[in-house]
């Protein structure tokens, strides 16, 4: 079965969040570690890129604010780090694709859409 990858679905633009509750929540749950604090808040490159790539595929059902609220709710609901750790999958260790796939499926009850990507240091 051919699956369509949902990314860059529309040309809708990211609208920067003003300082306040949602921006504070994003900064807590979706940390922009790669950027200086000032750039993270003023330019919002990580949130912008994620919304343009993935969030636009949720339109018109979810607007930008609703997309980020849903993403944060799902992150909290499916604590991936705890799930992987519970199944003995920890950073710096090697595991089969199937073991990772099965661990995630235990909490989501759905088939995860995983892909292996070679990292800079050759770690999958």
PDB file of N, CA and C in Angstrom:
ATOM      1  N   UNK A   1       0.852  -1.176   0.000  1.00  0.00           N
ATOM      2  CA  UNK A   1       0.000   0.000   0.000  1.00  0.00           C
ATOM      3  C   UNK A   1       0.898   1.241   0.000  1.00  0.00           C
ATOM      4  N   UNK A   2       0.696   2.115  -0.939  1.00  0.00           N
ATOM      5  CA  UNK A   2       1.475   3.342  -1.042  1.00  0.00           C
ATOM      6  C   UNK A   2       0.941   4.373  -0.060  1.00  0.00           C
ATOM      7  N   UNK A   3       1.838   4.906   0.774  1.00  0.00           N
ATOM      8  CA  UNK A   3       1.429   5.911   1.759  1.00  0.00           C
ATOM      9  C   UNK A   3       1.935   7.269   1.334  1.00  0.00           C
ATOM     10  N   UNK A   4       1.092   8.232   1.438  1.00  0.00           N
ATOM     11  CA  UNK A   4       1.451   9.606   1.106  1.00  0.00           C
ATOM     12  C   UNK A   4       2.030  10.274   2.355  1.00  0.00           C
ATOM     13  N   UNK A   5       3.185  10.884   2.205  1.00  0.00           N
ATOM     14  CA  UNK A   5       3.786  11.601   3.324  1.00  0.00           C
ATOM     15  C   UNK A   5       3.175  12.988   3.393  1.00  0.00           C
ATOM     16  N   UNK A   6       2.624  13.305   4.521  1.00  0.00           N
ATOM     17  CA  UNK A   6       1.974  14.596   4.694  1.00  0.00           C
ATOM     18  C   UNK A   6       2.986  15.621   5.179  1.00  0.00           C
ATOM     19  N   UNK A   7       3.437  16.434   4.252  1.00  0.00           N
ATOM     20  CA  UNK A   7       4.316  17.540   4.604  1.00  0.00           C
ATOM     21  C   UNK A   7       4.238  18.614   3.535  1.00  0.00           C
ATOM     22  N   UNK A   8       4.411  19.860   3.978  1.00  0.00           N
ATOM     23  CA  UNK A   8       4.340  21.021   3.090  1.00  0.00           C
ATOM     24  C   UNK A   8       3.046  21.003   2.266  1.00  0.00           C
ATOM     25  N   UNK A   9       1.913  20.854   2.942  1.00  0.00           N
ATOM     26  CA  UNK A   9       0.631  20.655   2.259  1.00  0.00           C
ATOM     27  C   UNK A   9       0.029  21.921   1.658  1.00  0.00           C
ATOM     28  N   UNK A  10       0.239  23.069   2.275  1.00  0.00           N
ATOM     29  CA  UNK A  10      -0.318  24.312   1.738  1.00  0.00           C
ATOM     30  C   UNK A  10       0.749  25.399   1.806  1.00  0.00           C
ATOM     31  N   UNK A  11       0.445  26.512   1.229  1.00  0.00           N
ATOM     32  CA  UNK A  11       1.393  27.632   1.266  1.00  0.00           C
ATOM     33  C   UNK A  11       1.083  28.591   2.413  1.00  0.00           C
ATOM     34  N   UNK A  12       0.242  28.161   3.350  1.00  0.00           N
ATOM     35  CA  UNK A  12      -0.079  29.021   4.492  1.00  0.00           C
ATOM     36  C   UNK A  12       1.193  29.365   5.258  1.00  0.00           C
ATOM     37  N   UNK A  13       1.263  30.558   5.735  1.00  0.00           N
ATOM     38  CA  UNK A  13       2.441  31.050   6.441  1.00  0.00           C
ATOM     39  C   UNK A  13       2.275  30.899   7.949  1.00  0.00           C
ATOM     40  N   UNK A  14       3.391  30.750   8.607  1.00  0.00           N
ATOM     41  CA  UNK A  14       3.432  30.704  10.063  1.00  0.00           C
ATOM     42  C   UNK A  14       3.222  32.113  10.612  1.00  0.00           C
ATOM     43  N   UNK A  15       2.410  32.229  11.625  1.00  0.00           N
ATOM     44  CA  UNK A  15       2.185  33.511  12.287  1.00  0.00           C
ATOM     45  C   UNK A  15       2.870  33.435  13.655  1.00  0.00           C
ATOM     46  N   UNK A  16       3.849  34.300  13.875  1.00  0.00           N
ATOM     47  CA  UNK A  16       4.598  34.263  15.131  1.00  0.00           C
ATOM     48  C   UNK A  16       3.667  34.421  16.325  1.00  0.00           C
ATOM     49  N   UNK A  17       3.960  33.654  17.365  1.00  0.00           N
ATOM     50  CA  UNK A  17       3.206  33.763  18.611  1.00  0.00           C
ATOM     51  C   UNK A  17       3.726  34.945  19.404  1.00  0.00           C
ATOM     52  N   UNK A  18       2.804  35.695  19.982  1.00  0.00           N
ATOM     53  CA  UNK A  18       3.173  36.774  20.887  1.00  0.00           C
ATOM     54  C   UNK A  18       3.488  36.164  22.246  1.00  0.00           C
ATOM     55  N   UNK A  19       4.322  36.842  23.024  1.00  0.00           N
ATOM     56  CA  UNK A  19       4.591  36.335  24.376  1.00  0.00           C
ATOM     57  C   UNK A  19       3.280  36.129  25.129  1.00  0.00           C
ATOM     58  N   UNK A  20       3.190  35.038  25.816  1.00  0.00           N
ATOM     59  CA  UNK A  20       1.972  34.722  26.548  1.00  0.00           C
ATOM     60  C   UNK A  20       1.880  33.242  26.810  1.00  0.00           C
ATOM     61  N   UNK A  21       0.700  32.794  27.150  1.00  0.00           N
ATOM     62  CA  UNK A  21       0.538  31.423  27.625  1.00  0.00           C
ATOM     63  C   UNK A  21       0.932  30.364  26.600  1.00  0.00           C
ATOM     64  N   UNK A  22       0.515  30.492  25.341  1.00  0.00           N
ATOM     65  CA  UNK A  22       0.855  29.450  24.372  1.00  0.00           C
ATOM     66  C   UNK A  22       2.349  29.460  24.071  1.00  0.00           C
ATOM     67  N   UNK A  23       2.932  30.633  23.959  1.00  0.00           N
ATOM     68  CA  UNK A  23       4.369  30.714  23.713  1.00  0.00           C
ATOM     69  C   UNK A  23       5.134  30.129  24.899  1.00  0.00           C
ATOM     70  N   UNK A  24       4.670  30.391  26.104  1.00  0.00           N
ATOM     71  CA  UNK A  24       5.303  29.823  27.293  1.00  0.00           C
ATOM     72  C   UNK A  24       5.166  28.299  27.299  1.00  0.00           C
ATOM     73  N   UNK A  25       3.995  27.813  26.929  1.00  0.00           N
ATOM     74  CA  UNK A  25       3.777  26.366  26.872  1.00  0.00           C
ATOM     75  C   UNK A  25       4.664  25.727  25.807  1.00  0.00           C
ATOM     76  N   UNK A  26       4.754  26.355  24.642  1.00  0.00           N
ATOM     77  CA  UNK A  26       5.627  25.833  23.593  1.00  0.00           C
ATOM     78  C   UNK A  26       7.074  25.813  24.058  1.00  0.00           C
ATOM     79  N   UNK A  27       7.504  26.873  24.726  1.00  0.00           N
ATOM     80  CA  UNK A  27       8.881  26.931  25.202  1.00  0.00           C
ATOM     81  C   UNK A  27       9.155  25.840  26.228  1.00  0.00           C
ATOM     82  N   UNK A  28       8.150  25.437  26.963  1.00  0.00           N
ATOM     83  CA  UNK A  28       8.314  24.372  27.958  1.00  0.00           C
ATOM     84  C   UNK A  28       8.276  22.979  27.314  1.00  0.00           C
ATOM     85  N   UNK A  29       7.367  22.765  26.374  1.00  0.00           N
ATOM     86  CA  UNK A  29       7.154  21.439  25.797  1.00  0.00           C
ATOM     87  C   UNK A  29       7.888  21.202  24.476  1.00  0.00           C
ATOM     88  N   UNK A  30       8.231  22.259  23.768  1.00  0.00           N
ATOM     89  CA  UNK A  30       8.807  22.135  22.424  1.00  0.00           C
ATOM     90  C   UNK A  30      10.012  23.071  22.367  1.00  0.00           C
ATOM     91  N   UNK A  31      11.031  22.724  23.135  1.00  0.00           N
ATOM     92  CA  UNK A  31      12.176  23.598  23.373  1.00  0.00           C
ATOM     93  C   UNK A  31      13.014  23.768  22.110  1.00  0.00           C
ATOM     94  N   UNK A  32      13.405  25.002  21.858  1.00  0.00           N
ATOM     95  CA  UNK A  32      14.230  25.332  20.694  1.00  0.00           C
ATOM     96  C   UNK A  32      15.706  25.340  21.110  1.00  0.00           C
ATOM     97  N   UNK A  33      16.248  24.183  21.440  1.00  0.00           N
ATOM     98  CA  UNK A  33      17.606  24.084  21.968  1.00  0.00           C
ATOM     99  C   UNK A  33      18.674  24.576  21.003  1.00  0.00           C
ATOM    100  N   UNK A  34      18.399  24.498  19.736  1.00  0.00           N
ATOM    101  CA  UNK A  34      19.388  24.842  18.717  1.00  0.00           C
ATOM    102  C   UNK A  34      19.608  26.350  18.603  1.00  0.00           C
ATOM    103  N   UNK A  35      18.739  27.133  19.168  1.00  0.00           N
ATOM    104  CA  UNK A  35      18.764  28.581  18.962  1.00  0.00           C
ATOM    105  C   UNK A  35      18.945  29.338  20.272  1.00  0.00           C
ATOM    106  N   UNK A  36      19.578  30.504  20.184  1.00  0.00           N
ATOM    107  CA  UNK A  36      19.666  31.405  21.329  1.00  0.00           C
ATOM    108  C   UNK A  36      18.242  31.785  21.741  1.00  0.00           C
ATOM    109  N   UNK A  37      18.050  32.051  23.016  1.00  0.00           N
ATOM    110  CA  UNK A  37      16.718  32.371  23.535  1.00  0.00           C
ATOM    111  C   UNK A  37      16.060  33.508  22.764  1.00  0.00           C
ATOM    112  N   UNK A  38      16.805  34.573  22.509  1.00  0.00           N
ATOM    113  CA  UNK A  38      16.235  35.732  21.818  1.00  0.00           C
ATOM    114  C   UNK A  38      15.765  35.367  20.412  1.00  0.00           C
ATOM    115  N   UNK A  39      16.560  34.597  19.688  1.00  0.00           N
ATOM    116  CA  UNK A  39      16.169  34.168  18.334  1.00  0.00           C
ATOM    117  C   UNK A  39      14.974  33.229  18.419  1.00  0.00           C
ATOM    118  N   UNK A  40      15.013  32.318  19.384  1.00  0.00           N
ATOM    119  CA  UNK A  40      13.904  31.389  19.558  1.00  0.00           C
ATOM    120  C   UNK A  40      12.581  32.096  19.761  1.00  0.00           C
ATOM    121  N   UNK A  41      12.577  33.134  20.579  1.00  0.00           N
ATOM    122  CA  UNK A  41      11.336  33.861  20.857  1.00  0.00           C
ATOM    123  C   UNK A  41      10.963  34.849  19.761  1.00  0.00           C
ATOM    124  N   UNK A  42      11.949  35.525  19.198  1.00  0.00           N
ATOM    125  CA  UNK A  42      11.644  36.568  18.211  1.00  0.00           C
ATOM    126  C   UNK A  42      11.425  36.026  16.805  1.00  0.00           C
ATOM    127  N   UNK A  43      12.186  35.015  16.415  1.00  0.00           N
ATOM    128  CA  UNK A  43      12.074  34.461  15.059  1.00  0.00           C
ATOM    129  C   UNK A  43      11.249  33.174  15.063  1.00  0.00           C
ATOM    130  N   UNK A  44      11.367  32.397  16.126  1.00  0.00           N
ATOM    131  CA  UNK A  44      10.637  31.137  16.296  1.00  0.00           C
ATOM    132  C   UNK A  44      10.906  30.154  15.154  1.00  0.00           C
ATOM    133  N   UNK A  45      12.185  29.916  14.814  1.00  0.00           N
ATOM    134  CA  UNK A  45      12.505  29.094  13.647  1.00  0.00           C
ATOM    135  C   UNK A  45      12.054  27.635  13.748  1.00  0.00           C
ATOM    136  N   UNK A  46      12.202  27.020  14.915  1.00  0.00           N
ATOM    137  CA  UNK A  46      11.804  25.619  15.044  1.00  0.00           C
ATOM    138  C   UNK A  46      10.294  25.469  14.891  1.00  0.00           C
ATOM    139  N   UNK A  47       9.550  26.271  15.623  1.00  0.00           N
ATOM    140  CA  UNK A  47       8.090  26.175  15.565  1.00  0.00           C
ATOM    141  C   UNK A  47       7.595  26.516  14.162  1.00  0.00           C
ATOM    142  N   UNK A  48       8.191  27.529  13.555  1.00  0.00           N
ATOM    143  CA  UNK A  48       7.811  27.924  12.188  1.00  0.00           C
ATOM    144  C   UNK A  48       8.046  26.765  11.220  1.00  0.00           C
ATOM    145  N   UNK A  49       9.242  26.180  11.266  1.00  0.00           N
ATOM    146  CA  UNK A  49       9.570  25.103  10.333  1.00  0.00           C
ATOM    147  C   UNK A  49       8.670  23.890  10.526  1.00  0.00           C
ATOM    148  N   UNK A  50       8.384  23.541  11.779  1.00  0.00           N
ATOM    149  CA  UNK A  50       7.522  22.388  12.041  1.00  0.00           C
ATOM    150  C   UNK A  50       6.091  22.643  11.580  1.00  0.00           C
ATOM    151  N   UNK A  51       5.625  23.866  11.776  1.00  0.00           N
ATOM    152  CA  UNK A  51       4.269  24.178  11.333  1.00  0.00           C
ATOM    153  C   UNK A  51       4.170  24.172   9.808  1.00  0.00           C
ATOM    154  N   UNK A  52       5.115  24.804   9.143  1.00  0.00           N
ATOM    155  CA  UNK A  52       5.078  24.861   7.677  1.00  0.00           C
ATOM    156  C   UNK A  52       5.182  23.452   7.097  1.00  0.00           C
ATOM    157  N   UNK A  53       6.036  22.615   7.677  1.00  0.00           N
ATOM    158  CA  UNK A  53       6.227  21.264   7.149  1.00  0.00           C
ATOM    159  C   UNK A  53       5.056  20.340   7.489  1.00  0.00           C
ATOM    160  N   UNK A  54       4.609  20.349   8.733  1.00  0.00           N
ATOM    161  CA  UNK A  54       3.600  19.382   9.176  1.00  0.00           C
ATOM    162  C   UNK A  54       2.242  20.001   9.501  1.00  0.00           C
ATOM    163  N   UNK A  55       2.244  21.133  10.172  1.00  0.00           N
ATOM    164  CA  UNK A  55       0.995  21.736  10.633  1.00  0.00           C
ATOM    165  C   UNK A  55       0.063  22.152   9.519  1.00  0.00           C
ATOM    166  N   UNK A  56       0.633  22.576   8.393  1.00  0.00           N
ATOM    167  CA  UNK A  56      -0.227  22.995   7.282  1.00  0.00           C
ATOM    168  C   UNK A  56      -1.046  21.831   6.737  1.00  0.00           C
ATOM    169  N   UNK A  57      -0.633  20.618   7.032  1.00  0.00           N
ATOM    170  CA  UNK A  57      -1.392  19.448   6.573  1.00  0.00           C
ATOM    171  C   UNK A  57      -2.644  19.218   7.419  1.00  0.00           C
ATOM    172  N   UNK A  58      -2.755  19.918   8.523  1.00  0.00           N
ATOM    173  CA  UNK A  58      -3.931  19.792   9.398  1.00  0.00           C
ATOM    174  C   UNK A  58      -5.035  20.770   9.029  1.00  0.00           C
ATOM    175  N   UNK A  59      -4.716  21.703   8.147  1.00  0.00           N
ATOM    176  CA  UNK A  59      -5.715  22.689   7.728  1.00  0.00           C
ATOM    177  C   UNK A  59      -6.753  22.035   6.828  1.00  0.00           C
ATOM    178  N   UNK A  60      -7.988  22.407   6.831  1.00  0.00           N
ATOM    179  CA  UNK A  60      -8.594  23.466   7.639  1.00  0.00           C
ATOM    180  C   UNK A  60      -9.101  22.980   8.996  1.00  0.00           C
ATOM    181  N   UNK A  61      -8.958  21.692   9.273  1.00  0.00           N
ATOM    182  CA  UNK A  61      -9.493  21.163  10.534  1.00  0.00           C
ATOM    183  C   UNK A  61      -8.868  21.835  11.755  1.00  0.00           C
ATOM    184  N   UNK A  62      -7.551  21.992  11.750  1.00  0.00           N
ATOM    185  CA  UNK A  62      -6.849  22.616  12.873  1.00  0.00           C
ATOM    186  C   UNK A  62      -6.065  23.820  12.378  1.00  0.00           C
ATOM    187  N   UNK A  63      -6.274  24.965  13.005  1.00  0.00           N
ATOM    188  CA  UNK A  63      -5.467  26.134  12.658  1.00  0.00           C
ATOM    189  C   UNK A  63      -4.116  26.018  13.367  1.00  0.00           C
ATOM    190  N   UNK A  64      -3.279  27.008  13.212  1.00  0.00           N
ATOM    191  CA  UNK A  64      -1.928  26.941  13.768  1.00  0.00           C
ATOM    192  C   UNK A  64      -1.936  26.726  15.283  1.00  0.00           C
ATOM    193  N   UNK A  65      -2.727  27.496  15.992  1.00  0.00           N
ATOM    194  CA  UNK A  65      -2.787  27.361  17.450  1.00  0.00           C
ATOM    195  C   UNK A  65      -3.286  25.981  17.840  1.00  0.00           C
ATOM    196  N   UNK A  66      -4.344  25.514  17.193  1.00  0.00           N
ATOM    197  CA  UNK A  66      -4.903  24.197  17.498  1.00  0.00           C
ATOM    198  C   UNK A  66      -3.906  23.085  17.186  1.00  0.00           C
ATOM    199  N   UNK A  67      -3.130  23.242  16.105  1.00  0.00           N
ATOM    200  CA  UNK A  67      -2.109  22.256  15.746  1.00  0.00           C
ATOM    201  C   UNK A  67      -1.092  22.097  16.883  1.00  0.00           C
ATOM    202  N   UNK A  68      -0.576  23.208  17.390  1.00  0.00           N
ATOM    203  CA  UNK A  68       0.427  23.132  18.448  1.00  0.00           C
ATOM    204  C   UNK A  68      -0.168  22.616  19.755  1.00  0.00           C
ATOM    205  N   UNK A  69      -1.398  23.008  20.074  1.00  0.00           N
ATOM    206  CA  UNK A  69      -2.049  22.484  21.276  1.00  0.00           C
ATOM    207  C   UNK A  69      -2.228  20.971  21.173  1.00  0.00           C
ATOM    208  N   UNK A  70      -2.654  20.495  20.006  1.00  0.00           N
ATOM    209  CA  UNK A  70      -2.822  19.058  19.795  1.00  0.00           C
ATOM    210  C   UNK A  70      -1.481  18.334  19.884  1.00  0.00           C
ATOM    211  N   UNK A  71      -0.451  18.886  19.261  1.00  0.00           N
ATOM    212  CA  UNK A  71       0.873  18.257  19.289  1.00  0.00           C
ATOM    213  C   UNK A  71       1.385  18.126  20.723  1.00  0.00           C
ATOM    214  N   UNK A  72       1.203  19.165  21.521  1.00  0.00           N
ATOM    215  CA  UNK A  72       1.661  19.105  22.915  1.00  0.00           C
ATOM    216  C   UNK A  72       0.845  18.100  23.724  1.00  0.00           C
ATOM    217  N   UNK A  73      -0.460  18.037  23.456  1.00  0.00           N
ATOM    218  CA  UNK A  73      -1.315  17.066  24.151  1.00  0.00           C
ATOM    219  C   UNK A  73      -0.899  15.636  23.809  1.00  0.00           C
ATOM    220  N   UNK A  74      -0.628  15.380  22.524  1.00  0.00           N
ATOM    221  CA  UNK A  74      -0.211  14.039  22.110  1.00  0.00           C
ATOM    222  C   UNK A  74       1.147  13.677  22.694  1.00  0.00           C
ATOM    223  N   UNK A  75       2.051  14.645  22.745  1.00  0.00           N
ATOM    224  CA  UNK A  75       3.370  14.402  23.338  1.00  0.00           C
ATOM    225  C   UNK A  75       3.217  13.975  24.792  1.00  0.00           C
ATOM    226  N   UNK A  76       2.346  14.649  25.515  1.00  0.00           N
ATOM    227  CA  UNK A  76       2.131  14.301  26.917  1.00  0.00           C
ATOM    228  C   UNK A  76       1.405  12.965  27.066  1.00  0.00           C
ATOM    229  N   UNK A  77       0.497  12.685  26.171  1.00  0.00           N
ATOM    230  CA  UNK A  77      -0.277  11.439  26.241  1.00  0.00           C
ATOM    231  C   UNK A  77       0.594  10.228  25.943  1.00  0.00           C
ATOM    232  N   UNK A  78       1.460  10.352  24.950  1.00  0.00           N
ATOM    233  CA  UNK A  78       2.320   9.246  24.545  1.00  0.00           C
ATOM    234  C   UNK A  78       3.762   9.607  24.878  1.00  0.00           C
ATOM    235  N   UNK A  79       4.141   9.418  26.122  1.00  0.00           N
ATOM    236  CA  UNK A  79       5.486   9.761  26.582  1.00  0.00           C
ATOM    237  C   UNK A  79       6.476   8.783  25.953  1.00  0.00           C
ATOM    238  N   UNK A  80       7.010   9.168  24.810  1.00  0.00           N
ATOM    239  CA  UNK A  80       7.855   8.282  24.018  1.00  0.00           C
ATOM    240  C   UNK A  80       9.118   7.870  24.764  1.00  0.00           C
ATOM    241  N   UNK A  81       9.768   8.784  25.447  1.00  0.00           N
ATOM    242  CA  UNK A  81      11.003   8.450  26.158  1.00  0.00           C
ATOM    243  C   UNK A  81      10.754   7.398  27.233  1.00  0.00           C
ATOM    244  N   UNK A  82       9.698   7.575  28.016  1.00  0.00           N
ATOM    245  CA  UNK A  82       9.370   6.594  29.051  1.00  0.00           C
ATOM    246  C   UNK A  82       8.995   5.255  28.432  1.00  0.00           C
ATOM    247  N   UNK A  83       8.235   5.297  27.357  1.00  0.00           N
ATOM    248  CA  UNK A  83       7.841   4.059  26.677  1.00  0.00           C
ATOM    249  C   UNK A  83       9.057   3.288  26.205  1.00  0.00           C
ATOM    250  N   UNK A  84       9.971   3.969  25.538  1.00  0.00           N
ATOM    251  CA  UNK A  84      11.167   3.289  25.035  1.00  0.00           C
ATOM    252  C   UNK A  84      12.015   2.763  26.187  1.00  0.00           C
ATOM    253  N   UNK A  85      12.178   3.556  27.233  1.00  0.00           N
ATOM    254  CA  UNK A  85      12.966   3.124  28.390  1.00  0.00           C
ATOM    255  C   UNK A  85      12.337   1.903  29.046  1.00  0.00           C
ATOM    256  N   UNK A  86      11.026   1.901  29.169  1.00  0.00           N
ATOM    257  CA  UNK A  86      10.311   0.762  29.749  1.00  0.00           C
ATOM    258  C   UNK A  86      10.581  -0.521  28.971  1.00  0.00           C
ATOM    259  N   UNK A  87      10.775  -0.386  27.673  1.00  0.00           N
ATOM    260  CA  UNK A  87      11.048  -1.545  26.821  1.00  0.00           C
ATOM    261  C   UNK A  87      12.546  -1.795  26.635  1.00  0.00           C
ATOM    262  N   UNK A  88      13.366  -1.168  27.478  1.00  0.00           N
ATOM    263  CA  UNK A  88      14.806  -1.402  27.438  1.00  0.00           C
ATOM    264  C   UNK A  88      15.533  -0.699  26.309  1.00  0.00           C
ATOM    265  N   UNK A  89      14.886   0.275  25.713  1.00  0.00           N
ATOM    266  CA  UNK A  89      15.486   1.014  24.597  1.00  0.00           C
ATOM    267  C   UNK A  89      15.965   2.354  25.148  1.00  0.00           C
ATOM    268  N   UNK A  90      17.277   2.507  25.230  1.00  0.00           N
ATOM    269  CA  UNK A  90      17.856   3.717  25.809  1.00  0.00           C
ATOM    270  C   UNK A  90      18.904   4.290  24.863  1.00  0.00           C
ATOM    271  N   UNK A  91      19.198   5.585  25.001  1.00  0.00           N
ATOM    272  CA  UNK A  91      20.209   6.200  24.140  1.00  0.00           C
ATOM    273  C   UNK A  91      21.548   5.467  24.239  1.00  0.00           C
ATOM    274  N   UNK A  92      22.202   5.315  23.100  1.00  0.00           N
ATOM    275  CA  UNK A  92      23.510   4.674  23.058  1.00  0.00           C
ATOM    276  C   UNK A  92      23.459   3.169  22.910  1.00  0.00           C
ATOM    277  N   UNK A  93      22.253   2.602  22.853  1.00  0.00           N
ATOM    278  CA  UNK A  93      22.129   1.154  22.672  1.00  0.00           C
ATOM    279  C   UNK A  93      21.517   0.861  21.315  1.00  0.00           C
ATOM    280  N   UNK A  94      21.760  -0.335  20.819  1.00  0.00           N
ATOM    281  CA  UNK A  94      21.247  -0.716  19.500  1.00  0.00           C
ATOM    282  C   UNK A  94      20.053  -1.647  19.656  1.00  0.00           C
ATOM    283  N   UNK A  95      19.074  -1.440  18.786  1.00  0.00           N
ATOM    284  CA  UNK A  95      17.868  -2.261  18.822  1.00  0.00           C
ATOM    285  C   UNK A  95      17.341  -2.437  17.413  1.00  0.00           C
ATOM    286  N   UNK A  96      16.575  -3.481  17.224  1.00  0.00           N
ATOM    287  CA  UNK A  96      15.999  -3.716  15.904  1.00  0.00           C
ATOM    288  C   UNK A  96      14.856  -2.735  15.661  1.00  0.00           C
ATOM    289  N   UNK A  97      14.598  -2.539  14.404  1.00  0.00           N
ATOM    290  CA  UNK A  97      13.474  -1.702  13.996  1.00  0.00           C
ATOM    291  C   UNK A  97      12.193  -2.251  14.619  1.00  0.00           C
ATOM    292  N   UNK A  98      12.027  -3.572  14.567  1.00  0.00           N
ATOM    293  CA  UNK A  98      10.818  -4.212  15.083  1.00  0.00           C
ATOM    294  C   UNK A  98      10.632  -3.958  16.576  1.00  0.00           C
ATOM    295  N   UNK A  99      11.723  -4.006  17.348  1.00  0.00           N
ATOM    296  CA  UNK A  99      11.598  -3.781  18.791  1.00  0.00           C
ATOM    297  C   UNK A  99      11.112  -2.357  19.074  1.00  0.00           C
ATOM    298  N   UNK A 100      11.649  -1.399  18.367  1.00  0.00           N
ATOM    299  CA  UNK A 100      11.231  -0.006  18.550  1.00  0.00           C
ATOM    300  C   UNK A 100       9.780   0.172  18.098  1.00  0.00           C
ATOM    301  N   UNK A 101       9.467  -0.400  16.940  1.00  0.00           N
ATOM    302  CA  UNK A 101       8.115  -0.338  16.375  1.00  0.00           C
ATOM    303  C   UNK A 101       7.103  -0.912  17.373  1.00  0.00           C
ATOM    304  N   UNK A 102       7.402  -2.104  17.885  1.00  0.00           N
ATOM    305  CA  UNK A 102       6.483  -2.770  18.813  1.00  0.00           C
ATOM    306  C   UNK A 102       6.323  -1.995  20.121  1.00  0.00           C
ATOM    307  N   UNK A 103       7.406  -1.399  20.611  1.00  0.00           N
ATOM    308  CA  UNK A 103       7.333  -0.622  21.855  1.00  0.00           C
ATOM    309  C   UNK A 103       6.387   0.564  21.687  1.00  0.00           C
ATOM    310  N   UNK A 104       6.512   1.266  20.590  1.00  0.00           N
ATOM    311  CA  UNK A 104       5.650   2.432  20.348  1.00  0.00           C
ATOM    312  C   UNK A 104       4.199   2.000  20.163  1.00  0.00           C
ATOM    313  N   UNK A 105       4.011   0.895  19.475  1.00  0.00           N
ATOM    314  CA  UNK A 105       2.649   0.414  19.220  1.00  0.00           C
ATOM    315  C   UNK A 105       1.923   0.036  20.517  1.00  0.00           C
ATOM    316  N   UNK A 106       2.671  -0.367  21.547  1.00  0.00           N
ATOM    317  CA  UNK A 106       2.014  -0.744  22.806  1.00  0.00           C
ATOM    318  C   UNK A 106       1.267   0.423  23.444  1.00  0.00           C
ATOM    319  N   UNK A 107       1.735   1.640  23.235  1.00  0.00           N
ATOM    320  CA  UNK A 107       1.044   2.782  23.844  1.00  0.00           C
ATOM    321  C   UNK A 107       0.104   3.497  22.889  1.00  0.00           C
ATOM    322  N   UNK A 108       0.427   3.513  21.603  1.00  0.00           N
ATOM    323  CA  UNK A 108      -0.427   4.233  20.656  1.00  0.00           C
ATOM    324  C   UNK A 108      -1.575   3.379  20.150  1.00  0.00           C
ATOM    325  N   UNK A 109      -1.418   2.062  20.225  1.00  0.00           N
ATOM    326  CA  UNK A 109      -2.402   1.117  19.691  1.00  0.00           C
ATOM    327  C   UNK A 109      -2.576   1.268  18.183  1.00  0.00           C
ATOM    328  N   UNK A 110      -1.606   1.887  17.539  1.00  0.00           N
ATOM    329  CA  UNK A 110      -1.603   2.056  16.085  1.00  0.00           C
ATOM    330  C   UNK A 110      -0.234   1.693  15.544  1.00  0.00           C
ATOM    331  N   UNK A 111      -0.183   1.435  14.245  1.00  0.00           N
ATOM    332  CA  UNK A 111       1.095   1.139  13.606  1.00  0.00           C
ATOM    333  C   UNK A 111       1.879   2.438  13.431  1.00  0.00           C
ATOM    334  N   UNK A 112       3.016   2.573  14.119  1.00  0.00           N
ATOM    335  CA  UNK A 112       3.787   3.809  13.974  1.00  0.00           C
ATOM    336  C   UNK A 112       4.410   3.917  12.587  1.00  0.00           C
ATOM    337  N   UNK A 113       4.533   5.124  12.109  1.00  0.00           N
ATOM    338  CA  UNK A 113       5.134   5.385  10.794  1.00  0.00           C
ATOM    339  C   UNK A 113       6.592   5.779  11.030  1.00  0.00           C
ATOM    340  N   UNK A 114       7.450   4.780  11.164  1.00  0.00           N
ATOM    341  CA  UNK A 114       8.860   5.007  11.474  1.00  0.00           C
ATOM    342  C   UNK A 114       9.723   4.864  10.234  1.00  0.00           C
ATOM    343  N   UNK A 115      10.831   5.596  10.247  1.00  0.00           N
ATOM    344  CA  UNK A 115      11.814   5.499   9.172  1.00  0.00           C
ATOM    345  C   UNK A 115      13.193   5.551   9.795  1.00  0.00           C
ATOM    346  N   UNK A 116      14.125   4.797   9.257  1.00  0.00           N
ATOM    347  CA  UNK A 116      15.508   4.868   9.715  1.00  0.00           C
ATOM    348  C   UNK A 116      16.228   5.926   8.901  1.00  0.00           C
ATOM    349  N   UNK A 117      16.928   6.795   9.604  1.00  0.00           N
ATOM    350  CA  UNK A 117      17.691   7.855   8.956  1.00  0.00           C
ATOM    351  C   UNK A 117      19.094   7.817   9.535  1.00  0.00           C
ATOM    352  N   UNK A 118      20.092   7.823   8.670  1.00  0.00           N
ATOM    353  CA  UNK A 118      21.461   7.797   9.164  1.00  0.00           C
ATOM    354  C   UNK A 118      21.831   9.166   9.702  1.00  0.00           C
ATOM    355  N   UNK A 119      22.320   9.178  10.920  1.00  0.00           N
ATOM    356  CA  UNK A 119      22.714  10.412  11.585  1.00  0.00           C
ATOM    357  C   UNK A 119      24.130  10.790  11.165  1.00  0.00           C
ATOM    358  N   UNK A 120      24.578  11.936  11.593  1.00  0.00           N
ATOM    359  CA  UNK A 120      25.912  12.427  11.249  1.00  0.00           C
ATOM    360  C   UNK A 120      26.995  11.428  11.641  1.00  0.00           C
ATOM    361  N   UNK A 121      26.861  10.817  12.810  1.00  0.00           N
ATOM    362  CA  UNK A 121      27.878   9.890  13.294  1.00  0.00           C
ATOM    363  C   UNK A 121      27.616   8.458  12.842  1.00  0.00           C
ATOM    364  N   UNK A 122      26.687   8.260  11.934  1.00  0.00           N
ATOM    365  CA  UNK A 122      26.410   6.924  11.428  1.00  0.00           C
ATOM    366  C   UNK A 122      25.505   6.098  12.307  1.00  0.00           C
ATOM    367  N   UNK A 123      24.909   6.707  13.336  1.00  0.00           N
ATOM    368  CA  UNK A 123      24.000   5.999  14.226  1.00  0.00           C
ATOM    369  C   UNK A 123      22.612   6.050  13.628  1.00  0.00           C
ATOM    370  N   UNK A 124      21.942   4.916  13.613  1.00  0.00           N
ATOM    371  CA  UNK A 124      20.582   4.898  13.068  1.00  0.00           C
ATOM    372  C   UNK A 124      19.580   5.180  14.156  1.00  0.00           C
TER     373      UNK A 124
END
